[in-house]
Amino acid sequence: RRIFKMAPLHHHFELSGWKETQVVVRFWIITILLVLIGLSS
């Protein structure tokens, strides 16, 4: 049995209905926020 529809995680979101560009840009946004957190240290 599977936890995700498909791994790695980006494929799970694609199979959940997200368009490829949506997955990519949203992952970029998350990375920007995480990098800002890292730089704040």
PDB file of all heavy atoms in Angstrom:
ATOM      1  N   ARG A   1       0.848  -1.194   0.000  1.00  0.00           N
ATOM      2  CA  ARG A   1       0.000   0.000   0.000  1.00  0.00           C
ATOM      3  C   ARG A   1       0.882   1.243   0.000  1.00  0.00           C
ATOM      4  O   ARG A   1       2.020   1.222   0.458  1.00  0.00           O
ATOM      5  CB  ARG A   1      -0.915  -0.005   1.233  1.00  0.00           C
ATOM      6  CG  ARG A   1      -1.841  -1.215   1.282  1.00  0.00           C
ATOM      7  CD  ARG A   1      -2.699  -1.227   2.528  1.00  0.00           C
ATOM      8  NE  ARG A   1      -3.541  -2.429   2.585  1.00  0.00           N
ATOM      9  CZ  ARG A   1      -4.381  -2.710   3.585  1.00  0.00           C
ATOM     10  NH1 ARG A   1      -4.473  -1.878   4.616  1.00  0.00           N
ATOM     11  NH2 ARG A   1      -5.088  -3.821   3.554  1.00  0.00           N
ATOM     12  N   ARG A   2       0.305   2.335  -0.502  1.00  0.00           N
ATOM     13  CA  ARG A   2       1.087   3.556  -0.672  1.00  0.00           C
ATOM     14  C   ARG A   2       0.553   4.681   0.214  1.00  0.00           C
ATOM     15  O   ARG A   2      -0.656   4.780   0.444  1.00  0.00           O
ATOM     16  CB  ARG A   2       1.070   4.011  -2.136  1.00  0.00           C
ATOM     17  CG  ARG A   2       1.808   3.063  -3.084  1.00  0.00           C
ATOM     18  CD  ARG A   2       1.660   3.509  -4.528  1.00  0.00           C
ATOM     19  NE  ARG A   2       2.533   2.754  -5.415  1.00  0.00           N
ATOM     20  CZ  ARG A   2       2.231   1.568  -5.920  1.00  0.00           C
ATOM     21  NH1 ARG A   2       1.052   1.005  -5.624  1.00  0.00           N
ATOM     22  NH2 ARG A   2       3.083   0.943  -6.711  1.00  0.00           N
ATOM     23  N   ILE A   3       1.473   5.525   0.671  1.00  0.00           N
ATOM     24  CA  ILE A   3       1.092   6.737   1.404  1.00  0.00           C
ATOM     25  C   ILE A   3       0.756   7.836   0.409  1.00  0.00           C
ATOM     26  O   ILE A   3      -0.242   8.544   0.556  1.00  0.00           O
ATOM     27  CB  ILE A   3       2.238   7.193   2.325  1.00  0.00           C
ATOM     28  CG1 ILE A   3       2.567   6.109   3.346  1.00  0.00           C
ATOM     29  CG2 ILE A   3       1.868   8.496   3.032  1.00  0.00           C
ATOM     30  CD1 ILE A   3       3.785   6.440   4.205  1.00  0.00           C
ATOM     31  N   PHE A   4       1.598   7.973  -0.607  1.00  0.00           N
ATOM     32  CA  PHE A   4       1.404   8.985  -1.639  1.00  0.00           C
ATOM     33  C   PHE A   4       0.943   8.321  -2.936  1.00  0.00           C
ATOM     34  O   PHE A   4       1.201   7.137  -3.157  1.00  0.00           O
ATOM     35  CB  PHE A   4       2.716   9.750  -1.884  1.00  0.00           C
ATOM     36  CG  PHE A   4       3.319  10.350  -0.650  1.00  0.00           C
ATOM     37  CD1 PHE A   4       4.392   9.736  -0.019  1.00  0.00           C
ATOM     38  CD2 PHE A   4       2.815  11.525  -0.113  1.00  0.00           C
ATOM     39  CE1 PHE A   4       4.964  10.274   1.119  1.00  0.00           C
ATOM     40  CE2 PHE A   4       3.366  12.078   1.027  1.00  0.00           C
ATOM     41  CZ  PHE A   4       4.437  11.448   1.654  1.00  0.00           C
ATOM     42  N   LYS A   5       0.285   9.091  -3.767  1.00  0.00           N
ATOM     43  CA  LYS A   5      -0.152   8.546  -5.051  1.00  0.00           C
ATOM     44  C   LYS A   5       1.041   8.132  -5.898  1.00  0.00           C
ATOM     45  O   LYS A   5       0.952   7.187  -6.688  1.00  0.00           O
ATOM     46  CB  LYS A   5      -1.000   9.587  -5.793  1.00  0.00           C
ATOM     47  CG  LYS A   5      -2.321   9.899  -5.080  1.00  0.00           C
ATOM     48  CD  LYS A   5      -3.127  10.935  -5.833  1.00  0.00           C
ATOM     49  CE  LYS A   5      -4.452  11.212  -5.110  1.00  0.00           C
ATOM     50  NZ  LYS A   5      -5.266  12.237  -5.802  1.00  0.00           N
ATOM     51  N   MET A   6       2.140   8.857  -5.719  1.00  0.00           N
ATOM     52  CA  MET A   6       3.372   8.524  -6.404  1.00  0.00           C
ATOM     53  C   MET A   6       4.511   9.295  -5.747  1.00  0.00           C
ATOM     54  O   MET A   6       4.313  10.408  -5.249  1.00  0.00           O
ATOM     55  CB  MET A   6       3.285   8.886  -7.900  1.00  0.00           C
ATOM     56  CG  MET A   6       4.456   8.425  -8.736  1.00  0.00           C
ATOM     57  SD  MET A   6       4.207   8.816 -10.496  1.00  0.00           S
ATOM     58  CE  MET A   6       5.750   8.200 -11.176  1.00  0.00           C
ATOM     59  N   ALA A   7       5.661   8.690  -5.655  1.00  0.00           N
ATOM     60  CA  ALA A   7       6.836   9.363  -5.110  1.00  0.00           C
ATOM     61  C   ALA A   7       7.886   9.492  -6.211  1.00  0.00           C
ATOM     62  O   ALA A   7       7.937   8.664  -7.118  1.00  0.00           O
ATOM     63  CB  ALA A   7       7.397   8.570  -3.922  1.00  0.00           C
ATOM     64  N   PRO A   8       8.722  10.549  -6.148  1.00  0.00           N
ATOM     65  CA  PRO A   8       8.822  11.608  -5.145  1.00  0.00           C
ATOM     66  C   PRO A   8       7.578  12.511  -5.076  1.00  0.00           C
ATOM     67  O   PRO A   8       6.679  12.398  -5.897  1.00  0.00           O
ATOM     68  CB  PRO A   8      10.047  12.412  -5.585  1.00  0.00           C
ATOM     69  CG  PRO A   8      10.827  11.503  -6.461  1.00  0.00           C
ATOM     70  CD  PRO A   8       9.793  10.668  -7.161  1.00  0.00           C
ATOM     71  N   LEU A   9       7.604  13.408  -4.102  1.00  0.00           N
ATOM     72  CA  LEU A   9       6.430  14.165  -3.702  1.00  0.00           C
ATOM     73  C   LEU A   9       5.814  14.989  -4.824  1.00  0.00           C
ATOM     74  O   LEU A   9       4.591  15.155  -4.878  1.00  0.00           O
ATOM     75  CB  LEU A   9       6.806  15.075  -2.525  1.00  0.00           C
ATOM     76  CG  LEU A   9       5.672  15.756  -1.767  1.00  0.00           C
ATOM     77  CD1 LEU A   9       4.721  14.725  -1.176  1.00  0.00           C
ATOM     78  CD2 LEU A   9       6.243  16.653  -0.671  1.00  0.00           C
ATOM     79  N   HIS A  10       6.633  15.522  -5.738  1.00  0.00           N
ATOM     80  CA  HIS A  10       6.082  16.388  -6.784  1.00  0.00           C
ATOM     81  C   HIS A  10       5.107  15.626  -7.676  1.00  0.00           C
ATOM     82  O   HIS A  10       4.143  16.200  -8.179  1.00  0.00           O
ATOM     83  CB  HIS A  10       7.199  17.033  -7.612  1.00  0.00           C
ATOM     84  CG  HIS A  10       8.182  16.082  -8.199  1.00  0.00           C
ATOM     85  ND1 HIS A  10       9.393  15.801  -7.615  1.00  0.00           N
ATOM     86  CD2 HIS A  10       8.135  15.335  -9.333  1.00  0.00           C
ATOM     87  CE1 HIS A  10      10.061  14.940  -8.360  1.00  0.00           C
ATOM     88  NE2 HIS A  10       9.318  14.636  -9.418  1.00  0.00           N
ATOM     89  N   HIS A  11       5.344  14.326  -7.881  1.00  0.00           N
ATOM     90  CA  HIS A  11       4.422  13.534  -8.690  1.00  0.00           C
ATOM     91  C   HIS A  11       3.090  13.313  -7.967  1.00  0.00           C
ATOM     92  O   HIS A  11       2.045  13.212  -8.609  1.00  0.00           O
ATOM     93  CB  HIS A  11       5.056  12.186  -9.034  1.00  0.00           C
ATOM     94  CG  HIS A  11       6.182  12.282 -10.015  1.00  0.00           C
ATOM     95  ND1 HIS A  11       6.128  13.074 -11.136  1.00  0.00           N
ATOM     96  CD2 HIS A  11       7.409  11.681 -10.044  1.00  0.00           C
ATOM     97  CE1 HIS A  11       7.257  12.962 -11.818  1.00  0.00           C
ATOM     98  NE2 HIS A  11       8.054  12.131 -11.169  1.00  0.00           N
ATOM     99  N   HIS A  12       3.139  13.250  -6.658  1.00  0.00           N
ATOM    100  CA  HIS A  12       1.906  13.104  -5.876  1.00  0.00           C
ATOM    101  C   HIS A  12       0.977  14.290  -6.125  1.00  0.00           C
ATOM    102  O   HIS A  12      -0.229  14.121  -6.332  1.00  0.00           O
ATOM    103  CB  HIS A  12       2.239  12.999  -4.389  1.00  0.00           C
ATOM    104  CG  HIS A  12       1.047  13.108  -3.484  1.00  0.00           C
ATOM    105  ND1 HIS A  12       0.178  12.056  -3.253  1.00  0.00           N
ATOM    106  CD2 HIS A  12       0.555  14.162  -2.769  1.00  0.00           C
ATOM    107  CE1 HIS A  12      -0.774  12.441  -2.425  1.00  0.00           C
ATOM    108  NE2 HIS A  12      -0.568  13.718  -2.124  1.00  0.00           N
ATOM    109  N   PHE A  13       1.540  15.488  -6.111  1.00  0.00           N
ATOM    110  CA  PHE A  13       0.720  16.678  -6.328  1.00  0.00           C
ATOM    111  C   PHE A  13       0.218  16.753  -7.768  1.00  0.00           C
ATOM    112  O   PHE A  13      -0.908  17.213  -8.017  1.00  0.00           O
ATOM    113  CB  PHE A  13       1.512  17.933  -5.971  1.00  0.00           C
ATOM    114  CG  PHE A  13       1.730  18.108  -4.497  1.00  0.00           C
ATOM    115  CD1 PHE A  13       2.998  18.018  -3.943  1.00  0.00           C
ATOM    116  CD2 PHE A  13       0.657  18.355  -3.650  1.00  0.00           C
ATOM    117  CE1 PHE A  13       3.197  18.168  -2.584  1.00  0.00           C
ATOM    118  CE2 PHE A  13       0.846  18.509  -2.283  1.00  0.00           C
ATOM    119  CZ  PHE A  13       2.114  18.412  -1.749  1.00  0.00           C
ATOM    120  N   GLU A  14       1.031  16.307  -8.711  1.00  0.00           N
ATOM    121  CA  GLU A  14       0.570  16.268 -10.100  1.00  0.00           C
ATOM    122  C   GLU A  14      -0.631  15.340 -10.257  1.00  0.00           C
ATOM    123  O   GLU A  14      -1.627  15.695 -10.898  1.00  0.00           O
ATOM    124  CB  GLU A  14       1.703  15.800 -11.006  1.00  0.00           C
ATOM    125  CG  GLU A  14       2.639  16.888 -11.476  1.00  0.00           C
ATOM    126  CD  GLU A  14       3.457  16.428 -12.654  1.00  0.00           C
ATOM    127  OE1 GLU A  14       4.325  15.562 -12.468  1.00  0.00           O
ATOM    128  OE2 GLU A  14       3.223  16.934 -13.779  1.00  0.00           O
ATOM    129  N   LEU A  15      -0.550  14.163  -9.668  1.00  0.00           N
ATOM    130  CA  LEU A  15      -1.648  13.208  -9.763  1.00  0.00           C
ATOM    131  C   LEU A  15      -2.852  13.646  -8.937  1.00  0.00           C
ATOM    132  O   LEU A  15      -3.950  13.108  -9.101  1.00  0.00           O
ATOM    133  CB  LEU A  15      -1.181  11.823  -9.301  1.00  0.00           C
ATOM    134  CG  LEU A  15      -0.124  11.167 -10.198  1.00  0.00           C
ATOM    135  CD1 LEU A  15       0.362   9.852  -9.594  1.00  0.00           C
ATOM    136  CD2 LEU A  15      -0.675  10.936 -11.601  1.00  0.00           C
ATOM    137  N   SER A  16      -2.648  14.629  -8.053  1.00  0.00           N
ATOM    138  CA  SER A  16      -3.760  15.173  -7.261  1.00  0.00           C
ATOM    139  C   SER A  16      -4.480  16.297  -7.988  1.00  0.00           C
ATOM    140  O   SER A  16      -5.446  16.856  -7.466  1.00  0.00           O
ATOM    141  CB  SER A  16      -3.237  15.683  -5.910  1.00  0.00           C
ATOM    142  OG  SER A  16      -2.675  14.636  -5.156  1.00  0.00           O
ATOM    143  N   GLY A  17      -3.990  16.651  -9.183  1.00  0.00           N
ATOM    144  CA  GLY A  17      -4.680  17.655  -9.980  1.00  0.00           C
ATOM    145  C   GLY A  17      -3.910  18.933 -10.232  1.00  0.00           C
ATOM    146  O   GLY A  17      -4.372  19.787 -10.996  1.00  0.00           O
ATOM    147  N   TRP A  18      -2.761  19.105  -9.598  1.00  0.00           N
ATOM    148  CA  TRP A  18      -1.961  20.300  -9.850  1.00  0.00           C
ATOM    149  C   TRP A  18      -1.306  20.191 -11.218  1.00  0.00           C
ATOM    150  O   TRP A  18      -0.849  19.128 -11.630  1.00  0.00           O
ATOM    151  CB  TRP A  18      -0.866  20.451  -8.805  1.00  0.00           C
ATOM    152  CG  TRP A  18      -1.329  20.781  -7.419  1.00  0.00           C
ATOM    153  CD1 TRP A  18      -2.580  20.618  -6.912  1.00  0.00           C
ATOM    154  CD2 TRP A  18      -0.527  21.296  -6.359  1.00  0.00           C
ATOM    155  NE1 TRP A  18      -2.614  21.006  -5.608  1.00  0.00           N
ATOM    156  CE2 TRP A  18      -1.365  21.427  -5.234  1.00  0.00           C
ATOM    157  CE3 TRP A  18       0.815  21.654  -6.240  1.00  0.00           C
ATOM    158  CZ2 TRP A  18      -0.902  21.905  -4.015  1.00  0.00           C
ATOM    159  CZ3 TRP A  18       1.275  22.131  -5.025  1.00  0.00           C
ATOM    160  CH2 TRP A  18       0.431  22.261  -3.927  1.00  0.00           C
ATOM    161  N   LYS A  19      -1.241  21.318 -11.925  1.00  0.00           N
ATOM    162  CA  LYS A  19      -0.490  21.356 -13.169  1.00  0.00           C
ATOM    163  C   LYS A  19       1.005  21.380 -12.860  1.00  0.00           C
ATOM    164  O   LYS A  19       1.432  21.793 -11.776  1.00  0.00           O
ATOM    165  CB  LYS A  19      -0.870  22.587 -13.990  1.00  0.00           C
ATOM    166  CG  LYS A  19      -2.309  22.579 -14.495  1.00  0.00           C
ATOM    167  CD  LYS A  19      -2.602  23.815 -15.318  1.00  0.00           C
ATOM    168  CE  LYS A  19      -4.041  23.801 -15.834  1.00  0.00           C
ATOM    169  NZ  LYS A  19      -4.355  25.004 -16.640  1.00  0.00           N
ATOM    170  N   GLU A  20       1.790  20.924 -13.825  1.00  0.00           N
ATOM    171  CA  GLU A  20       3.239  20.864 -13.616  1.00  0.00           C
ATOM    172  C   GLU A  20       3.814  22.217 -13.229  1.00  0.00           C
ATOM    173  O   GLU A  20       4.619  22.320 -12.299  1.00  0.00           O
ATOM    174  CB  GLU A  20       3.934  20.348 -14.873  1.00  0.00           C
ATOM    175  CG  GLU A  20       5.454  20.276 -14.740  1.00  0.00           C
ATOM    176  CD  GLU A  20       6.121  19.661 -15.957  1.00  0.00           C
ATOM    177  OE1 GLU A  20       5.398  19.149 -16.831  1.00  0.00           O
ATOM    178  OE2 GLU A  20       7.359  19.696 -16.023  1.00  0.00           O
ATOM    179  N   THR A  21       3.398  23.264 -13.921  1.00  0.00           N
ATOM    180  CA  THR A  21       3.925  24.596 -13.612  1.00  0.00           C
ATOM    181  C   THR A  21       3.498  25.063 -12.229  1.00  0.00           C
ATOM    182  O   THR A  21       4.239  25.803 -11.570  1.00  0.00           O
ATOM    183  CB  THR A  21       3.449  25.610 -14.667  1.00  0.00           C
ATOM    184  OG1 THR A  21       2.026  25.498 -14.831  1.00  0.00           O
ATOM    185  CG2 THR A  21       4.122  25.352 -16.008  1.00  0.00           C
ATOM    186  N   GLN A  22       2.321  24.644 -11.771  1.00  0.00           N
ATOM    187  CA  GLN A  22       1.886  25.004 -10.427  1.00  0.00           C
ATOM    188  C   GLN A  22       2.775  24.358  -9.375  1.00  0.00           C
ATOM    189  O   GLN A  22       3.177  25.010  -8.400  1.00  0.00           O
ATOM    190  CB  GLN A  22       0.430  24.570 -10.199  1.00  0.00           C
ATOM    191  CG  GLN A  22      -0.600  25.408 -10.945  1.00  0.00           C
ATOM    192  CD  GLN A  22      -2.013  24.907 -10.690  1.00  0.00           C
ATOM    193  OE1 GLN A  22      -2.300  23.719 -10.850  1.00  0.00           O
ATOM    194  NE2 GLN A  22      -2.904  25.798 -10.295  1.00  0.00           N
ATOM    195  N   VAL A  23       3.074  23.096  -9.566  1.00  0.00           N
ATOM    196  CA  VAL A  23       3.960  22.397  -8.631  1.00  0.00           C
ATOM    197  C   VAL A  23       5.315  23.085  -8.578  1.00  0.00           C
ATOM    198  O   VAL A  23       5.858  23.368  -7.496  1.00  0.00           O
ATOM    199  CB  VAL A  23       4.136  20.917  -9.036  1.00  0.00           C
ATOM    200  CG1 VAL A  23       5.110  20.223  -8.088  1.00  0.00           C
ATOM    201  CG2 VAL A  23       2.804  20.189  -9.043  1.00  0.00           C
ATOM    202  N   VAL A  24       5.869  23.371  -9.738  1.00  0.00           N
ATOM    203  CA  VAL A  24       7.206  23.957  -9.819  1.00  0.00           C
ATOM    204  C   VAL A  24       7.264  25.320  -9.138  1.00  0.00           C
ATOM    205  O   VAL A  24       8.115  25.571  -8.273  1.00  0.00           O
ATOM    206  CB  VAL A  24       7.651  24.081 -11.293  1.00  0.00           C
ATOM    207  CG1 VAL A  24       8.944  24.893 -11.396  1.00  0.00           C
ATOM    208  CG2 VAL A  24       7.846  22.701 -11.903  1.00  0.00           C
ATOM    209  N   VAL A  25       6.351  26.209  -9.495  1.00  0.00           N
ATOM    210  CA  VAL A  25       6.383  27.567  -8.948  1.00  0.00           C
ATOM    211  C   VAL A  25       6.104  27.558  -7.449  1.00  0.00           C
ATOM    212  O   VAL A  25       6.737  28.301  -6.682  1.00  0.00           O
ATOM    213  CB  VAL A  25       5.371  28.470  -9.689  1.00  0.00           C
ATOM    214  CG1 VAL A  25       5.283  29.836  -9.022  1.00  0.00           C
ATOM    215  CG2 VAL A  25       5.766  28.627 -11.149  1.00  0.00           C
ATOM    216  N   ARG A  26       5.189  26.716  -7.003  1.00  0.00           N
ATOM    217  CA  ARG A  26       4.898  26.656  -5.572  1.00  0.00           C
ATOM    218  C   ARG A  26       6.074  26.107  -4.779  1.00  0.00           C
ATOM    219  O   ARG A  26       6.346  26.570  -3.660  1.00  0.00           O
ATOM    220  CB  ARG A  26       3.630  25.828  -5.336  1.00  0.00           C
ATOM    221  CG  ARG A  26       2.366  26.576  -5.762  1.00  0.00           C
ATOM    222  CD  ARG A  26       1.137  25.700  -5.772  1.00  0.00           C
ATOM    223  NE  ARG A  26      -0.033  26.473  -6.210  1.00  0.00           N
ATOM    224  CZ  ARG A  26      -1.239  25.955  -6.449  1.00  0.00           C
ATOM    225  NH1 ARG A  26      -1.442  24.646  -6.292  1.00  0.00           N
ATOM    226  NH2 ARG A  26      -2.232  26.737  -6.846  1.00  0.00           N
ATOM    227  N   PHE A  27       6.780  25.157  -5.345  1.00  0.00           N
ATOM    228  CA  PHE A  27       7.995  24.658  -4.687  1.00  0.00           C
ATOM    229  C   PHE A  27       9.072  25.742  -4.672  1.00  0.00           C
ATOM    230  O   PHE A  27       9.850  25.832  -3.717  1.00  0.00           O
ATOM    231  CB  PHE A  27       8.513  23.404  -5.393  1.00  0.00           C
ATOM    232  CG  PHE A  27       7.837  22.126  -4.941  1.00  0.00           C
ATOM    233  CD1 PHE A  27       6.500  22.113  -4.587  1.00  0.00           C
ATOM    234  CD2 PHE A  27       8.540  20.941  -4.874  1.00  0.00           C
ATOM    235  CE1 PHE A  27       5.873  20.944  -4.174  1.00  0.00           C
ATOM    236  CE2 PHE A  27       7.937  19.768  -4.461  1.00  0.00           C
ATOM    237  CZ  PHE A  27       6.597  19.768  -4.110  1.00  0.00           C
ATOM    238  N   TRP A  28       9.127  26.555  -5.711  1.00  0.00           N
ATOM    239  CA  TRP A  28      10.061  27.685  -5.715  1.00  0.00           C
ATOM    240  C   TRP A  28       9.725  28.655  -4.585  1.00  0.00           C
ATOM    241  O   TRP A  28      10.617  29.130  -3.872  1.00  0.00           O
ATOM    242  CB  TRP A  28       9.980  28.443  -7.040  1.00  0.00           C
ATOM    243  CG  TRP A  28      10.579  27.757  -8.218  1.00  0.00           C
ATOM    244  CD1 TRP A  28      11.198  26.540  -8.248  1.00  0.00           C
ATOM    245  CD2 TRP A  28      10.601  28.255  -9.563  1.00  0.00           C
ATOM    246  NE1 TRP A  28      11.610  26.238  -9.515  1.00  0.00           N
ATOM    247  CE2 TRP A  28      11.261  27.269 -10.353  1.00  0.00           C
ATOM    248  CE3 TRP A  28      10.141  29.411 -10.179  1.00  0.00           C
ATOM    249  CZ2 TRP A  28      11.460  27.434 -11.722  1.00  0.00           C
ATOM    250  CZ3 TRP A  28      10.338  29.588 -11.546  1.00  0.00           C
ATOM    251  CH2 TRP A  28      10.992  28.611 -12.300  1.00  0.00           C
ATOM    252  N   ILE A  29       8.445  28.968  -4.446  1.00  0.00           N
ATOM    253  CA  ILE A  29       8.007  29.911  -3.412  1.00  0.00           C
ATOM    254  C   ILE A  29       8.382  29.391  -2.026  1.00  0.00           C
ATOM    255  O   ILE A  29       8.879  30.141  -1.178  1.00  0.00           O
ATOM    256  CB  ILE A  29       6.488  30.150  -3.512  1.00  0.00           C
ATOM    257  CG1 ILE A  29       6.147  30.885  -4.814  1.00  0.00           C
ATOM    258  CG2 ILE A  29       5.983  30.954  -2.309  1.00  0.00           C
ATOM    259  CD1 ILE A  29       4.663  30.980  -5.099  1.00  0.00           C
ATOM    260  N   ILE A  30       8.142  28.112  -1.800  1.00  0.00           N
ATOM    261  CA  ILE A  30       8.499  27.508  -0.513  1.00  0.00           C
ATOM    262  C   ILE A  30      10.001  27.634  -0.271  1.00  0.00           C
ATOM    263  O   ILE A  30      10.442  27.970   0.838  1.00  0.00           O
ATOM    264  CB  ILE A  30       8.065  26.028  -0.474  1.00  0.00           C
ATOM    265  CG1 ILE A  30       6.536  25.926  -0.484  1.00  0.00           C
ATOM    266  CG2 ILE A  30       8.633  25.329   0.760  1.00  0.00           C
ATOM    267  CD1 ILE A  30       6.026  24.513  -0.673  1.00  0.00           C
ATOM    268  N   THR A  31      10.790  27.395  -1.305  1.00  0.00           N
ATOM    269  CA  THR A  31      12.249  27.483  -1.164  1.00  0.00           C
ATOM    270  C   THR A  31      12.682  28.901  -0.845  1.00  0.00           C
ATOM    271  O   THR A  31      13.580  29.111  -0.015  1.00  0.00           O
ATOM    272  CB  THR A  31      12.942  27.003  -2.449  1.00  0.00           C
ATOM    273  OG1 THR A  31      12.573  25.644  -2.709  1.00  0.00           O
ATOM    274  CG2 THR A  31      14.457  27.087  -2.313  1.00  0.00           C
ATOM    275  N   ILE A  32      12.075  29.885  -1.488  1.00  0.00           N
ATOM    276  CA  ILE A  32      12.401  31.287  -1.189  1.00  0.00           C
ATOM    277  C   ILE A  32      12.164  31.584   0.286  1.00  0.00           C
ATOM    278  O   ILE A  32      12.999  32.201   0.961  1.00  0.00           O
ATOM    279  CB  ILE A  32      11.568  32.239  -2.076  1.00  0.00           C
ATOM    280  CG1 ILE A  32      12.006  32.131  -3.534  1.00  0.00           C
ATOM    281  CG2 ILE A  32      11.709  33.683  -1.594  1.00  0.00           C
ATOM    282  CD1 ILE A  32      11.113  32.881  -4.510  1.00  0.00           C
ATOM    283  N   LEU A  33      11.032  31.136   0.807  1.00  0.00           N
ATOM    284  CA  LEU A  33      10.717  31.372   2.220  1.00  0.00           C
ATOM    285  C   LEU A  33      11.716  30.660   3.129  1.00  0.00           C
ATOM    286  O   LEU A  33      12.167  31.226   4.133  1.00  0.00           O
ATOM    287  CB  LEU A  33       9.291  30.894   2.519  1.00  0.00           C
ATOM    288  CG  LEU A  33       8.167  31.634   1.774  1.00  0.00           C
ATOM    289  CD1 LEU A  33       6.811  30.995   2.083  1.00  0.00           C
ATOM    290  CD2 LEU A  33       8.146  33.109   2.148  1.00  0.00           C
ATOM    291  N   LEU A  34      12.062  29.430   2.784  1.00  0.00           N
ATOM    292  CA  LEU A  34      13.016  28.671   3.599  1.00  0.00           C
ATOM    293  C   LEU A  34      14.409  29.299   3.562  1.00  0.00           C
ATOM    294  O   LEU A  34      15.117  29.323   4.580  1.00  0.00           O
ATOM    295  CB  LEU A  34      13.079  27.221   3.116  1.00  0.00           C
ATOM    296  CG  LEU A  34      11.808  26.388   3.324  1.00  0.00           C
ATOM    297  CD1 LEU A  34      11.967  25.008   2.703  1.00  0.00           C
ATOM    298  CD2 LEU A  34      11.485  26.256   4.814  1.00  0.00           C
ATOM    299  N   VAL A  35      14.800  29.809   2.407  1.00  0.00           N
ATOM    300  CA  VAL A  35      16.104  30.467   2.282  1.00  0.00           C
ATOM    301  C   VAL A  35      16.135  31.741   3.133  1.00  0.00           C
ATOM    302  O   VAL A  35      17.139  32.045   3.793  1.00  0.00           O
ATOM    303  CB  VAL A  35      16.418  30.783   0.812  1.00  0.00           C
ATOM    304  CG1 VAL A  35      17.599  31.754   0.694  1.00  0.00           C
ATOM    305  CG2 VAL A  35      16.735  29.496   0.057  1.00  0.00           C
ATOM    306  N   LEU A  36      15.033  32.485   3.151  1.00  0.00           N
ATOM    307  CA  LEU A  36      14.961  33.687   3.985  1.00  0.00           C
ATOM    308  C   LEU A  36      15.074  33.325   5.461  1.00  0.00           C
ATOM    309  O   LEU A  36      15.714  34.045   6.242  1.00  0.00           O
ATOM    310  CB  LEU A  36      13.649  34.434   3.717  1.00  0.00           C
ATOM    311  CG  LEU A  36      13.532  35.107   2.343  1.00  0.00           C
ATOM    312  CD1 LEU A  36      12.149  35.710   2.160  1.00  0.00           C
ATOM    313  CD2 LEU A  36      14.609  36.170   2.169  1.00  0.00           C
ATOM    314  N   ILE A  37      14.451  32.219   5.850  1.00  0.00           N
ATOM    315  CA  ILE A  37      14.583  31.757   7.237  1.00  0.00           C
ATOM    316  C   ILE A  37      16.047  31.418   7.537  1.00  0.00           C
ATOM    317  O   ILE A  37      16.590  31.786   8.587  1.00  0.00           O
ATOM    318  CB  ILE A  37      13.688  30.527   7.489  1.00  0.00           C
ATOM    319  CG1 ILE A  37      12.210  30.924   7.418  1.00  0.00           C
ATOM    320  CG2 ILE A  37      13.992  29.897   8.853  1.00  0.00           C
ATOM    321  CD1 ILE A  37      11.249  29.751   7.481  1.00  0.00           C
ATOM    322  N   GLY A  38      16.691  30.730   6.595  1.00  0.00           N
ATOM    323  CA  GLY A  38      18.091  30.387   6.782  1.00  0.00           C
ATOM    324  C   GLY A  38      18.986  31.613   6.885  1.00  0.00           C
ATOM    325  O   GLY A  38      19.861  31.683   7.759  1.00  0.00           O
ATOM    326  N   LEU A  39      18.747  32.594   6.018  1.00  0.00           N
ATOM    327  CA  LEU A  39      19.549  33.816   6.052  1.00  0.00           C
ATOM    328  C   LEU A  39      19.325  34.620   7.331  1.00  0.00           C
ATOM    329  O   LEU A  39      20.230  35.314   7.807  1.00  0.00           O
ATOM    330  CB  LEU A  39      19.242  34.678   4.832  1.00  0.00           C
ATOM    331  CG  LEU A  39      19.790  34.182   3.486  1.00  0.00           C
ATOM    332  CD1 LEU A  39      19.269  35.030   2.346  1.00  0.00           C
ATOM    333  CD2 LEU A  39      21.319  34.173   3.495  1.00  0.00           C
ATOM    334  N   SER A  40      18.127  34.521   7.879  1.00  0.00           N
ATOM    335  CA  SER A  40      17.849  35.258   9.117  1.00  0.00           C
ATOM    336  C   SER A  40      18.694  34.764  10.279  1.00  0.00           C
ATOM    337  O   SER A  40      18.905  35.484  11.255  1.00  0.00           O
ATOM    338  CB  SER A  40      16.355  35.154   9.471  1.00  0.00           C
ATOM    339  OG  SER A  40      16.008  33.833   9.844  1.00  0.00           O
ATOM    340  N   SER A  41      19.215  33.529  10.167  1.00  0.00           N
ATOM    341  CA  SER A  41      20.062  32.997  11.234  1.00  0.00           C
ATOM    342  C   SER A  41      21.408  33.710  11.298  1.00  0.00           C
ATOM    343  O   SER A  41      22.155  33.544  12.269  1.00  0.00           O
ATOM    344  CB  SER A  41      20.275  31.493  11.042  1.00  0.00           C
ATOM    345  OG  SER A  41      21.073  31.232   9.903  1.00  0.00           O
TER     346      SER A  41
END
